[in-house]
Amino acid sequence: MNTLYFVLFLVLTVSCIGGLVSQQVFLSRLRRLHHSTWEHLGRPVIFLNSGMLNTAGFLRFMWRREYESLPDAGTVAFARFLRAFLIFYFVLFGLTILVFFSTMRSVK
């Protein structure tokens, strides 16, 4: 069981770091190439002013696929990848929690 926890924690950690780097690259690209959209989202950045409203606005932007209206095919393609990655990460996180609680209950 400890091996399973270790592997899940390792995959979750690597995915988290990869997701943060990908989001930073996307937000930097958005700021540089589509400044008005970046402004409309509340000038989101990963660490400095990462408040709940900025995070919620960014997630809403990604979930509703509002990036599809951008006139830059490269940014849209990267946003599609990032959206798929965010969905993957949330599913992985949920499964990790389910595995943890289901194995903890069976230990008793």
PDB file of N, CA and C in Angstrom:
ATOM      1  N   MET A   1       0.819  -1.187   0.000  1.00  0.00           N
ATOM      2  CA  MET A   1       0.000   0.000   0.000  1.00  0.00           C
ATOM      3  C   MET A   1       0.870   1.261   0.000  1.00  0.00           C
ATOM      4  N   ASN A   2       1.975   1.216   0.733  1.00  0.00           N
ATOM      5  CA  ASN A   2       2.860   2.383   0.768  1.00  0.00           C
ATOM      6  C   ASN A   2       3.415   2.699  -0.620  1.00  0.00           C
ATOM      7  N   THR A   3       3.671   1.660  -1.416  1.00  0.00           N
ATOM      8  CA  THR A   3       4.172   1.876  -2.768  1.00  0.00           C
ATOM      9  C   THR A   3       3.128   2.596  -3.618  1.00  0.00           C
ATOM     10  N   LEU A   4       1.868   2.202  -3.486  1.00  0.00           N
ATOM     11  CA  LEU A   4       0.794   2.853  -4.218  1.00  0.00           C
ATOM     12  C   LEU A   4       0.699   4.330  -3.841  1.00  0.00           C
ATOM     13  N   TYR A   5       0.754   4.620  -2.552  1.00  0.00           N
ATOM     14  CA  TYR A   5       0.713   6.009  -2.094  1.00  0.00           C
ATOM     15  C   TYR A   5       1.893   6.800  -2.640  1.00  0.00           C
ATOM     16  N   PHE A   6       3.057   6.202  -2.617  1.00  0.00           N
ATOM     17  CA  PHE A   6       4.253   6.879  -3.104  1.00  0.00           C
ATOM     18  C   PHE A   6       4.125   7.193  -4.589  1.00  0.00           C
ATOM     19  N   VAL A   7       3.686   6.226  -5.380  1.00  0.00           N
ATOM     20  CA  VAL A   7       3.551   6.430  -6.823  1.00  0.00           C
ATOM     21  C   VAL A   7       2.502   7.504  -7.111  1.00  0.00           C
ATOM     22  N   LEU A   8       1.357   7.432  -6.433  1.00  0.00           N
ATOM     23  CA  LEU A   8       0.315   8.433  -6.635  1.00  0.00           C
ATOM     24  C   LEU A   8       0.809   9.833  -6.248  1.00  0.00           C
ATOM     25  N   PHE A   9       1.505   9.914  -5.126  1.00  0.00           N
ATOM     26  CA  PHE A   9       2.042  11.204  -4.686  1.00  0.00           C
ATOM     27  C   PHE A   9       3.062  11.737  -5.691  1.00  0.00           C
ATOM     28  N   LEU A  10       3.915  10.864  -6.197  1.00  0.00           N
ATOM     29  CA  LEU A  10       4.932  11.268  -7.163  1.00  0.00           C
ATOM     30  C   LEU A  10       4.284  11.758  -8.469  1.00  0.00           C
ATOM     31  N   VAL A  11       3.316  11.017  -8.975  1.00  0.00           N
ATOM     32  CA  VAL A  11       2.638  11.412 -10.215  1.00  0.00           C
ATOM     33  C   VAL A  11       1.886  12.718 -10.010  1.00  0.00           C
ATOM     34  N   LEU A  12       1.232  12.853  -8.855  1.00  0.00           N
ATOM     35  CA  LEU A  12       0.496  14.083  -8.553  1.00  0.00           C
ATOM     36  C   LEU A  12       1.441  15.277  -8.452  1.00  0.00           C
ATOM     37  N   THR A  13       2.579  15.099  -7.811  1.00  0.00           N
ATOM     38  CA  THR A  13       3.552  16.183  -7.656  1.00  0.00           C
ATOM     39  C   THR A  13       4.125  16.608  -8.997  1.00  0.00           C
ATOM     40  N   VAL A  14       4.538  15.644  -9.804  1.00  0.00           N
ATOM     41  CA  VAL A  14       5.097  15.960 -11.120  1.00  0.00           C
ATOM     42  C   VAL A  14       4.033  16.634 -11.995  1.00  0.00           C
ATOM     43  N   SER A  15       2.800  16.135 -11.927  1.00  0.00           N
ATOM     44  CA  SER A  15       1.706  16.735 -12.690  1.00  0.00           C
ATOM     45  C   SER A  15       1.425  18.160 -12.226  1.00  0.00           C
ATOM     46  N   CYS A  16       1.478  18.384 -10.944  1.00  0.00           N
ATOM     47  CA  CYS A  16       1.241  19.716 -10.395  1.00  0.00           C
ATOM     48  C   CYS A  16       2.304  20.697 -10.888  1.00  0.00           C
ATOM     49  N   ILE A  17       3.543  20.305 -10.814  1.00  0.00           N
ATOM     50  CA  ILE A  17       4.636  21.171 -11.274  1.00  0.00           C
ATOM     51  C   ILE A  17       4.514  21.427 -12.773  1.00  0.00           C
ATOM     52  N   GLY A  18       4.236  20.374 -13.533  1.00  0.00           N
ATOM     53  CA  GLY A  18       4.053  20.539 -14.977  1.00  0.00           C
ATOM     54  C   GLY A  18       2.883  21.450 -15.301  1.00  0.00           C
ATOM     55  N   GLY A  19       1.804  21.323 -14.543  1.00  0.00           N
ATOM     56  CA  GLY A  19       0.637  22.170 -14.747  1.00  0.00           C
ATOM     57  C   GLY A  19       0.923  23.628 -14.432  1.00  0.00           C
ATOM     58  N   LEU A  20       1.644  23.872 -13.346  1.00  0.00           N
ATOM     59  CA  LEU A  20       1.990  25.246 -12.983  1.00  0.00           C
ATOM     60  C   LEU A  20       2.877  25.896 -14.041  1.00  0.00           C
ATOM     61  N   VAL A  21       3.855  25.140 -14.526  1.00  0.00           N
ATOM     62  CA  VAL A  21       4.744  25.671 -15.569  1.00  0.00           C
ATOM     63  C   VAL A  21       3.947  25.940 -16.844  1.00  0.00           C
ATOM     64  N   SER A  22       3.071  25.012 -17.226  1.00  0.00           N
ATOM     65  CA  SER A  22       2.256  25.188 -18.430  1.00  0.00           C
ATOM     66  C   SER A  22       1.335  26.398 -18.301  1.00  0.00           C
ATOM     67  N   GLN A  23       0.728  26.566 -17.135  1.00  0.00           N
ATOM     68  CA  GLN A  23      -0.142  27.724 -16.928  1.00  0.00           C
ATOM     69  C   GLN A  23       0.646  29.022 -17.004  1.00  0.00           C
ATOM     70  N   GLN A  24       1.827  29.027 -16.431  1.00  0.00           N
ATOM     71  CA  GLN A  24       2.652  30.241 -16.480  1.00  0.00           C
ATOM     72  C   GLN A  24       3.035  30.574 -17.914  1.00  0.00           C
ATOM     73  N   VAL A  25       3.407  29.572 -18.690  1.00  0.00           N
ATOM     74  CA  VAL A  25       3.753  29.797 -20.094  1.00  0.00           C
ATOM     75  C   VAL A  25       2.536  30.334 -20.851  1.00  0.00           C
ATOM     76  N   PHE A  26       1.369  29.738 -20.605  1.00  0.00           N
ATOM     77  CA  PHE A  26       0.158  30.187 -21.287  1.00  0.00           C
ATOM     78  C   PHE A  26      -0.197  31.618 -20.900  1.00  0.00           C
ATOM     79  N   LEU A  27      -0.147  31.925 -19.613  1.00  0.00           N
ATOM     80  CA  LEU A  27      -0.491  33.277 -19.166  1.00  0.00           C
ATOM     81  C   LEU A  27       0.509  34.306 -19.679  1.00  0.00           C
ATOM     82  N   SER A  28       1.773  33.949 -19.747  1.00  0.00           N
ATOM     83  CA  SER A  28       2.779  34.858 -20.304  1.00  0.00           C
ATOM     84  C   SER A  28       2.513  35.103 -21.786  1.00  0.00           C
ATOM     85  N   ARG A  29       2.158  34.043 -22.478  1.00  0.00           N
ATOM     86  CA  ARG A  29       1.838  34.169 -23.900  1.00  0.00           C
ATOM     87  C   ARG A  29       0.589  35.022 -24.091  1.00  0.00           C
ATOM     88  N   LEU A  30      -0.404  34.808 -23.242  1.00  0.00           N
ATOM     89  CA  LEU A  30      -1.634  35.594 -23.302  1.00  0.00           C
ATOM     90  C   LEU A  30      -1.341  37.070 -23.039  1.00  0.00           C
ATOM     91  N   ARG A  31      -0.508  37.339 -22.039  1.00  0.00           N
ATOM     92  CA  ARG A  31      -0.156  38.723 -21.710  1.00  0.00           C
ATOM     93  C   ARG A  31       0.598  39.383 -22.865  1.00  0.00           C
ATOM     94  N   ARG A  32       1.470  38.641 -23.480  1.00  0.00           N
ATOM     95  CA  ARG A  32       2.309  39.195 -24.544  1.00  0.00           C
ATOM     96  C   ARG A  32       1.550  39.349 -25.867  1.00  0.00           C
ATOM     97  N   LEU A  33       0.744  38.355 -26.248  1.00  0.00           N
ATOM     98  CA  LEU A  33       0.121  38.350 -27.565  1.00  0.00           C
ATOM     99  C   LEU A  33      -1.333  38.822 -27.575  1.00  0.00           C
ATOM    100  N   HIS A  34      -2.014  38.683 -26.449  1.00  0.00           N
ATOM    101  CA  HIS A  34      -3.442  39.019 -26.372  1.00  0.00           C
ATOM    102  C   HIS A  34      -3.695  39.786 -25.083  1.00  0.00           C
ATOM    103  N   HIS A  35      -3.089  40.953 -25.028  1.00  0.00           N
ATOM    104  CA  HIS A  35      -3.086  41.735 -23.793  1.00  0.00           C
ATOM    105  C   HIS A  35      -4.496  42.090 -23.317  1.00  0.00           C
ATOM    106  N   SER A  36      -5.393  42.414 -24.226  1.00  0.00           N
ATOM    107  CA  SER A  36      -6.755  42.800 -23.809  1.00  0.00           C
ATOM    108  C   SER A  36      -7.485  41.625 -23.147  1.00  0.00           C
ATOM    109  N   THR A  37      -7.285  40.417 -23.642  1.00  0.00           N
ATOM    110  CA  THR A  37      -7.891  39.234 -23.018  1.00  0.00           C
ATOM    111  C   THR A  37      -7.290  39.006 -21.642  1.00  0.00           C
ATOM    112  N   TRP A  38      -5.981  39.157 -21.549  1.00  0.00           N
ATOM    113  CA  TRP A  38      -5.301  38.995 -20.267  1.00  0.00           C
ATOM    114  C   TRP A  38      -5.807  40.028 -19.265  1.00  0.00           C
ATOM    115  N   GLU A  39      -5.979  41.270 -19.715  1.00  0.00           N
ATOM    116  CA  GLU A  39      -6.532  42.318 -18.848  1.00  0.00           C
ATOM    117  C   GLU A  39      -7.956  41.976 -18.416  1.00  0.00           C
ATOM    118  N   HIS A  40      -8.763  41.496 -19.354  1.00  0.00           N
ATOM    119  CA  HIS A  40     -10.146  41.138 -19.060  1.00  0.00           C
ATOM    120  C   HIS A  40     -10.231  40.031 -17.999  1.00  0.00           C
ATOM    121  N   LEU A  41      -9.254  39.146 -17.993  1.00  0.00           N
ATOM    122  CA  LEU A  41      -9.218  38.068 -16.994  1.00  0.00           C
ATOM    123  C   LEU A  41      -8.722  38.549 -15.630  1.00  0.00           C
ATOM    124  N   GLY A  42      -8.335  39.801 -15.515  1.00  0.00           N
ATOM    125  CA  GLY A  42      -7.875  40.340 -14.237  1.00  0.00           C
ATOM    126  C   GLY A  42      -6.374  40.263 -14.053  1.00  0.00           C
ATOM    127  N   ARG A  43      -5.632  40.236 -15.159  1.00  0.00           N
ATOM    128  CA  ARG A  43      -4.166  40.165 -15.122  1.00  0.00           C
ATOM    129  C   ARG A  43      -3.668  38.974 -14.306  1.00  0.00           C
ATOM    130  N   PRO A  44      -4.123  37.789 -14.636  1.00  0.00           N
ATOM    131  CA  PRO A  44      -3.733  36.626 -13.828  1.00  0.00           C
ATOM    132  C   PRO A  44      -2.266  36.259 -13.989  1.00  0.00           C
ATOM    133  N   VAL A  45      -1.658  35.903 -12.897  1.00  0.00           N
ATOM    134  CA  VAL A  45      -0.328  35.306 -12.857  1.00  0.00           C
ATOM    135  C   VAL A  45      -0.397  34.163 -11.858  1.00  0.00           C
ATOM    136  N   ILE A  46       0.563  33.295 -11.905  1.00  0.00           N
ATOM    137  CA  ILE A  46       0.498  32.098 -11.065  1.00  0.00           C
ATOM    138  C   ILE A  46       0.700  32.407  -9.591  1.00  0.00           C
ATOM    139  N   PHE A  47       1.730  33.166  -9.236  1.00  0.00           N
ATOM    140  CA  PHE A  47       2.071  33.291  -7.822  1.00  0.00           C
ATOM    141  C   PHE A  47       1.828  34.668  -7.209  1.00  0.00           C
ATOM    142  N   LEU A  48       2.055  35.740  -7.936  1.00  0.00           N
ATOM    143  CA  LEU A  48       2.073  37.057  -7.322  1.00  0.00           C
ATOM    144  C   LEU A  48       0.711  37.531  -6.846  1.00  0.00           C
ATOM    145  N   ASN A  49      -0.275  37.630  -7.743  1.00  0.00           N
ATOM    146  CA  ASN A  49      -1.594  38.099  -7.334  1.00  0.00           C
ATOM    147  C   ASN A  49      -2.648  37.020  -7.577  1.00  0.00           C
ATOM    148  N   SER A  50      -2.302  35.821  -7.267  1.00  0.00           N
ATOM    149  CA  SER A  50      -3.152  34.682  -7.567  1.00  0.00           C
ATOM    150  C   SER A  50      -4.280  34.557  -6.552  1.00  0.00           C
ATOM    151  N   GLY A  51      -5.208  35.485  -6.595  1.00  0.00           N
ATOM    152  CA  GLY A  51      -6.346  35.446  -5.693  1.00  0.00           C
ATOM    153  C   GLY A  51      -7.425  34.512  -6.225  1.00  0.00           C
ATOM    154  N   MET A  52      -8.448  34.312  -5.411  1.00  0.00           N
ATOM    155  CA  MET A  52      -9.535  33.416  -5.793  1.00  0.00           C
ATOM    156  C   MET A  52     -10.264  33.917  -7.039  1.00  0.00           C
ATOM    157  N   LEU A  53     -10.469  35.231  -7.148  1.00  0.00           N
ATOM    158  CA  LEU A  53     -11.184  35.757  -8.312  1.00  0.00           C
ATOM    159  C   LEU A  53     -10.392  35.547  -9.596  1.00  0.00           C
ATOM    160  N   ASN A  54      -9.089  35.765  -9.553  1.00  0.00           N
ATOM    161  CA  ASN A  54      -8.265  35.533 -10.738  1.00  0.00           C
ATOM    162  C   ASN A  54      -8.266  34.068 -11.123  1.00  0.00           C
ATOM    163  N   THR A  55      -8.131  33.196 -10.142  1.00  0.00           N
ATOM    164  CA  THR A  55      -8.120  31.764 -10.418  1.00  0.00           C
ATOM    165  C   THR A  55      -9.463  31.318 -10.975  1.00  0.00           C
ATOM    166  N   ALA A  56     -10.549  31.779 -10.373  1.00  0.00           N
ATOM    167  CA  ALA A  56     -11.884  31.408 -10.847  1.00  0.00           C
ATOM    168  C   ALA A  56     -12.118  31.937 -12.255  1.00  0.00           C
ATOM    169  N   GLY A  57     -11.684  33.148 -12.524  1.00  0.00           N
ATOM    170  CA  GLY A  57     -11.837  33.722 -13.859  1.00  0.00           C
ATOM    171  C   GLY A  57     -11.056  32.948 -14.906  1.00  0.00           C
ATOM    172  N   PHE A  58      -9.852  32.552 -14.557  1.00  0.00           N
ATOM    173  CA  PHE A  58      -9.027  31.772 -15.486  1.00  0.00           C
ATOM    174  C   PHE A  58      -9.652  30.408 -15.745  1.00  0.00           C
ATOM    175  N   LEU A  59     -10.095  29.728 -14.682  1.00  0.00           N
ATOM    176  CA  LEU A  59     -10.712  28.408 -14.858  1.00  0.00           C
ATOM    177  C   LEU A  59     -12.004  28.497 -15.669  1.00  0.00           C
ATOM    178  N   ARG A  60     -12.785  29.548 -15.437  1.00  0.00           N
ATOM    179  CA  ARG A  60     -14.013  29.758 -16.213  1.00  0.00           C
ATOM    180  C   ARG A  60     -13.657  29.988 -17.691  1.00  0.00           C
ATOM    181  N   PHE A  61     -12.626  30.781 -17.952  1.00  0.00           N
ATOM    182  CA  PHE A  61     -12.139  31.040 -19.307  1.00  0.00           C
ATOM    183  C   PHE A  61     -11.742  29.735 -19.997  1.00  0.00           C
ATOM    184  N   MET A  62     -11.057  28.868 -19.261  1.00  0.00           N
ATOM    185  CA  MET A  62     -10.636  27.591 -19.828  1.00  0.00           C
ATOM    186  C   MET A  62     -11.818  26.639 -20.000  1.00  0.00           C
ATOM    187  N   TRP A  63     -12.670  26.546 -18.998  1.00  0.00           N
ATOM    188  CA  TRP A  63     -13.777  25.590 -19.043  1.00  0.00           C
ATOM    189  C   TRP A  63     -14.770  25.930 -20.146  1.00  0.00           C
ATOM    190  N   ARG A  64     -15.060  27.215 -20.323  1.00  0.00           N
ATOM    191  CA  ARG A  64     -16.023  27.651 -21.342  1.00  0.00           C
ATOM    192  C   ARG A  64     -15.405  27.737 -22.740  1.00  0.00           C
ATOM    193  N   ARG A  65     -14.137  27.419 -22.832  1.00  0.00           N
ATOM    194  CA  ARG A  65     -13.395  27.450 -24.096  1.00  0.00           C
ATOM    195  C   ARG A  65     -13.436  28.832 -24.751  1.00  0.00           C
ATOM    196  N   GLU A  66     -13.361  29.859 -23.927  1.00  0.00           N
ATOM    197  CA  GLU A  66     -13.384  31.222 -24.461  1.00  0.00           C
ATOM    198  C   GLU A  66     -12.124  31.528 -25.272  1.00  0.00           C
ATOM    199  N   TYR A  67     -11.086  30.752 -25.083  1.00  0.00           N
ATOM    200  CA  TYR A  67      -9.841  30.930 -25.828  1.00  0.00           C
ATOM    201  C   TYR A  67     -10.029  30.625 -27.314  1.00  0.00           C
ATOM    202  N   GLU A  68     -11.081  29.913 -27.667  1.00  0.00           N
ATOM    203  CA  GLU A  68     -11.321  29.573 -29.078  1.00  0.00           C
ATOM    204  C   GLU A  68     -11.512  30.808 -29.950  1.00  0.00           C
ATOM    205  N   SER A  69     -11.893  31.931 -29.352  1.00  0.00           N
ATOM    206  CA  SER A  69     -12.123  33.152 -30.128  1.00  0.00           C
ATOM    207  C   SER A  69     -10.834  33.937 -30.394  1.00  0.00           C
ATOM    208  N   LEU A  70      -9.722  33.493 -29.823  1.00  0.00           N
ATOM    209  CA  LEU A  70      -8.458  34.194 -30.051  1.00  0.00           C
ATOM    210  C   LEU A  70      -8.005  33.985 -31.491  1.00  0.00           C
ATOM    211  N   PRO A  71      -7.437  35.009 -32.121  1.00  0.00           N
ATOM    212  CA  PRO A  71      -7.050  34.909 -33.535  1.00  0.00           C
ATOM    213  C   PRO A  71      -5.688  34.238 -33.762  1.00  0.00           C
ATOM    214  N   ASP A  72      -5.156  33.583 -32.771  1.00  0.00           N
ATOM    215  CA  ASP A  72      -3.819  32.991 -32.839  1.00  0.00           C
ATOM    216  C   ASP A  72      -3.943  31.474 -32.683  1.00  0.00           C
ATOM    217  N   ALA A  73      -3.699  30.744 -33.762  1.00  0.00           N
ATOM    218  CA  ALA A  73      -3.867  29.288 -33.756  1.00  0.00           C
ATOM    219  C   ALA A  73      -2.927  28.606 -32.756  1.00  0.00           C
ATOM    220  N   GLY A  74      -1.733  29.125 -32.589  1.00  0.00           N
ATOM    221  CA  GLY A  74      -0.785  28.533 -31.654  1.00  0.00           C
ATOM    222  C   GLY A  74      -1.241  28.654 -30.210  1.00  0.00           C
ATOM    223  N   THR A  75      -1.755  29.809 -29.849  1.00  0.00           N
ATOM    224  CA  THR A  75      -2.261  30.017 -28.494  1.00  0.00           C
ATOM    225  C   THR A  75      -3.495  29.164 -28.244  1.00  0.00           C
ATOM    226  N   VAL A  76      -4.369  29.065 -29.231  1.00  0.00           N
ATOM    227  CA  VAL A  76      -5.569  28.239 -29.091  1.00  0.00           C
ATOM    228  C   VAL A  76      -5.188  26.775 -28.911  1.00  0.00           C
ATOM    229  N   ALA A  77      -4.224  26.294 -29.687  1.00  0.00           N
ATOM    230  CA  ALA A  77      -3.777  24.902 -29.560  1.00  0.00           C
ATOM    231  C   ALA A  77      -3.177  24.652 -28.181  1.00  0.00           C
ATOM    232  N   PHE A  78      -2.380  25.594 -27.700  1.00  0.00           N
ATOM    233  CA  PHE A  78      -1.791  25.435 -26.365  1.00  0.00           C
ATOM    234  C   PHE A  78      -2.872  25.462 -25.290  1.00  0.00           C
ATOM    235  N   ALA A  79      -3.880  26.310 -25.466  1.00  0.00           N
ATOM    236  CA  ALA A  79      -4.987  26.378 -24.506  1.00  0.00           C
ATOM    237  C   ALA A  79      -5.774  25.074 -24.494  1.00  0.00           C
ATOM    238  N   ARG A  80      -5.963  24.465 -25.648  1.00  0.00           N
ATOM    239  CA  ARG A  80      -6.652  23.165 -25.707  1.00  0.00           C
ATOM    240  C   ARG A  80      -5.870  22.108 -24.930  1.00  0.00           C
ATOM    241  N   PHE A  81      -4.551  22.107 -25.140  1.00  0.00           N
ATOM    242  CA  PHE A  81      -3.705  21.178 -24.387  1.00  0.00           C
ATOM    243  C   PHE A  81      -3.815  21.438 -22.891  1.00  0.00           C
ATOM    244  N   LEU A  82      -3.741  22.701 -22.508  1.00  0.00           N
ATOM    245  CA  LEU A  82      -3.791  23.058 -21.090  1.00  0.00           C
ATOM    246  C   LEU A  82      -5.134  22.677 -20.483  1.00  0.00           C
ATOM    247  N   ARG A  83      -6.217  22.881 -21.193  1.00  0.00           N
ATOM    248  CA  ARG A  83      -7.548  22.509 -20.697  1.00  0.00           C
ATOM    249  C   ARG A  83      -7.624  20.998 -20.482  1.00  0.00           C
ATOM    250  N   ALA A  84      -7.130  20.226 -21.442  1.00  0.00           N
ATOM    251  CA  ALA A  84      -7.122  18.765 -21.296  1.00  0.00           C
ATOM    252  C   ALA A  84      -6.253  18.352 -20.107  1.00  0.00           C
ATOM    253  N   PHE A  85      -5.127  19.027 -19.939  1.00  0.00           N
ATOM    254  CA  PHE A  85      -4.243  18.709 -18.819  1.00  0.00           C
ATOM    255  C   PHE A  85      -4.912  19.025 -17.483  1.00  0.00           C
ATOM    256  N   LEU A  86      -5.612  20.161 -17.406  1.00  0.00           N
ATOM    257  CA  LEU A  86      -6.311  20.517 -16.169  1.00  0.00           C
ATOM    258  C   LEU A  86      -7.395  19.491 -15.834  1.00  0.00           C
ATOM    259  N   ILE A  87      -8.130  19.033 -16.833  1.00  0.00           N
ATOM    260  CA  ILE A  87      -9.141  18.005 -16.603  1.00  0.00           C
ATOM    261  C   ILE A  87      -8.476  16.722 -16.109  1.00  0.00           C
ATOM    262  N   PHE A  88      -7.382  16.326 -16.769  1.00  0.00           N
ATOM    263  CA  PHE A  88      -6.633  15.143 -16.343  1.00  0.00           C
ATOM    264  C   PHE A  88      -6.184  15.284 -14.893  1.00  0.00           C
ATOM    265  N   TYR A  89      -5.654  16.449 -14.544  1.00  0.00           N
ATOM    266  CA  TYR A  89      -5.136  16.645 -13.194  1.00  0.00           C
ATOM    267  C   TYR A  89      -6.247  16.574 -12.148  1.00  0.00           C
ATOM    268  N   PHE A  90      -7.387  17.212 -12.409  1.00  0.00           N
ATOM    269  CA  PHE A  90      -8.494  17.168 -11.452  1.00  0.00           C
ATOM    270  C   PHE A  90      -9.028  15.750 -11.283  1.00  0.00           C
ATOM    271  N   VAL A  91      -9.096  14.996 -12.373  1.00  0.00           N
ATOM    272  CA  VAL A  91      -9.537  13.591 -12.282  1.00  0.00           C
ATOM    273  C   VAL A  91      -8.517  12.779 -11.485  1.00  0.00           C
ATOM    274  N   LEU A  92      -7.240  12.968 -11.775  1.00  0.00           N
ATOM    275  CA  LEU A  92      -6.189  12.263 -11.037  1.00  0.00           C
ATOM    276  C   LEU A  92      -6.233  12.600  -9.551  1.00  0.00           C
ATOM    277  N   PHE A  93      -6.436  13.869  -9.236  1.00  0.00           N
ATOM    278  CA  PHE A  93      -6.517  14.294  -7.844  1.00  0.00           C
ATOM    279  C   PHE A  93      -7.709  13.631  -7.153  1.00  0.00           C
ATOM    280  N   GLY A  94      -8.854  13.630  -7.817  1.00  0.00           N
ATOM    281  CA  GLY A  94     -10.044  12.983  -7.248  1.00  0.00           C
ATOM    282  C   GLY A  94      -9.851  11.491  -7.050  1.00  0.00           C
ATOM    283  N   LEU A  95      -9.245  10.834  -8.020  1.00  0.00           N
ATOM    284  CA  LEU A  95      -8.985   9.399  -7.883  1.00  0.00           C
ATOM    285  C   LEU A  95      -8.006   9.112  -6.747  1.00  0.00           C
ATOM    286  N   THR A  96      -7.024   9.968  -6.592  1.00  0.00           N
ATOM    287  CA  THR A  96      -6.063   9.800  -5.505  1.00  0.00           C
ATOM    288  C   THR A  96      -6.769   9.890  -4.154  1.00  0.00           C
ATOM    289  N   ILE A  97      -7.659  10.842  -4.016  1.00  0.00           N
ATOM    290  CA  ILE A  97      -8.413  10.968  -2.765  1.00  0.00           C
ATOM    291  C   ILE A  97      -9.283   9.743  -2.536  1.00  0.00           C
ATOM    292  N   LEU A  98      -9.954   9.272  -3.594  1.00  0.00           N
ATOM    293  CA  LEU A  98     -10.783   8.065  -3.463  1.00  0.00           C
ATOM    294  C   LEU A  98      -9.958   6.851  -3.059  1.00  0.00           C
ATOM    295  N   VAL A  99      -8.803   6.676  -3.683  1.00  0.00           N
ATOM    296  CA  VAL A  99      -7.930   5.556  -3.327  1.00  0.00           C
ATOM    297  C   VAL A  99      -7.491   5.667  -1.879  1.00  0.00           C
ATOM    298  N   PHE A 100      -7.110   6.851  -1.466  1.00  0.00           N
ATOM    299  CA  PHE A 100      -6.661   7.044  -0.089  1.00  0.00           C
ATOM    300  C   PHE A 100      -7.758   6.687   0.903  1.00  0.00           C
ATOM    301  N   PHE A 101      -8.965   7.235   0.700  1.00  0.00           N
ATOM    302  CA  PHE A 101     -10.039   6.966   1.661  1.00  0.00           C
ATOM    303  C   PHE A 101     -10.537   5.529   1.592  1.00  0.00           C
ATOM    304  N   SER A 102     -10.548   4.928   0.419  1.00  0.00           N
ATOM    305  CA  SER A 102     -11.002   3.543   0.336  1.00  0.00           C
ATOM    306  C   SER A 102     -10.005   2.588   0.977  1.00  0.00           C
ATOM    307  N   THR A 103      -8.716   2.874   0.863  1.00  0.00           N
ATOM    308  CA  THR A 103      -7.726   1.998   1.500  1.00  0.00           C
ATOM    309  C   THR A 103      -7.647   2.265   3.008  1.00  0.00           C
ATOM    310  N   MET A 104      -7.916   3.473   3.423  1.00  0.00           N
ATOM    311  CA  MET A 104      -7.896   3.761   4.863  1.00  0.00           C
ATOM    312  C   MET A 104      -9.053   3.063   5.563  1.00  0.00           C
ATOM    313  N   ARG A 105     -10.192   2.985   4.900  1.00  0.00           N
ATOM    314  CA  ARG A 105     -11.340   2.333   5.488  1.00  0.00           C
ATOM    315  C   ARG A 105     -11.110   0.823   5.602  1.00  0.00           C
ATOM    316  N   SER A 106     -10.405   0.238   4.623  1.00  0.00           N
ATOM    317  CA  SER A 106     -10.175  -1.196   4.646  1.00  0.00           C
ATOM    318  C   SER A 106      -9.068  -1.578   5.626  1.00  0.00           C
ATOM    319  N   VAL A 107      -8.246  -0.619   6.061  1.00  0.00           N
ATOM    320  CA  VAL A 107      -7.177  -0.893   7.025  1.00  0.00           C
ATOM    321  C   VAL A 107      -7.744  -1.174   8.397  1.00  0.00           C
ATOM    322  N   LYS A 108      -8.842  -0.501   8.746  1.00  0.00           N
ATOM    323  CA  LYS A 108      -9.438  -0.650  10.070  1.00  0.00           C
ATOM    324  C   LYS A 108      -9.911  -2.013  10.256  1.00  0.00           C
TER     325      LYS A 108
END
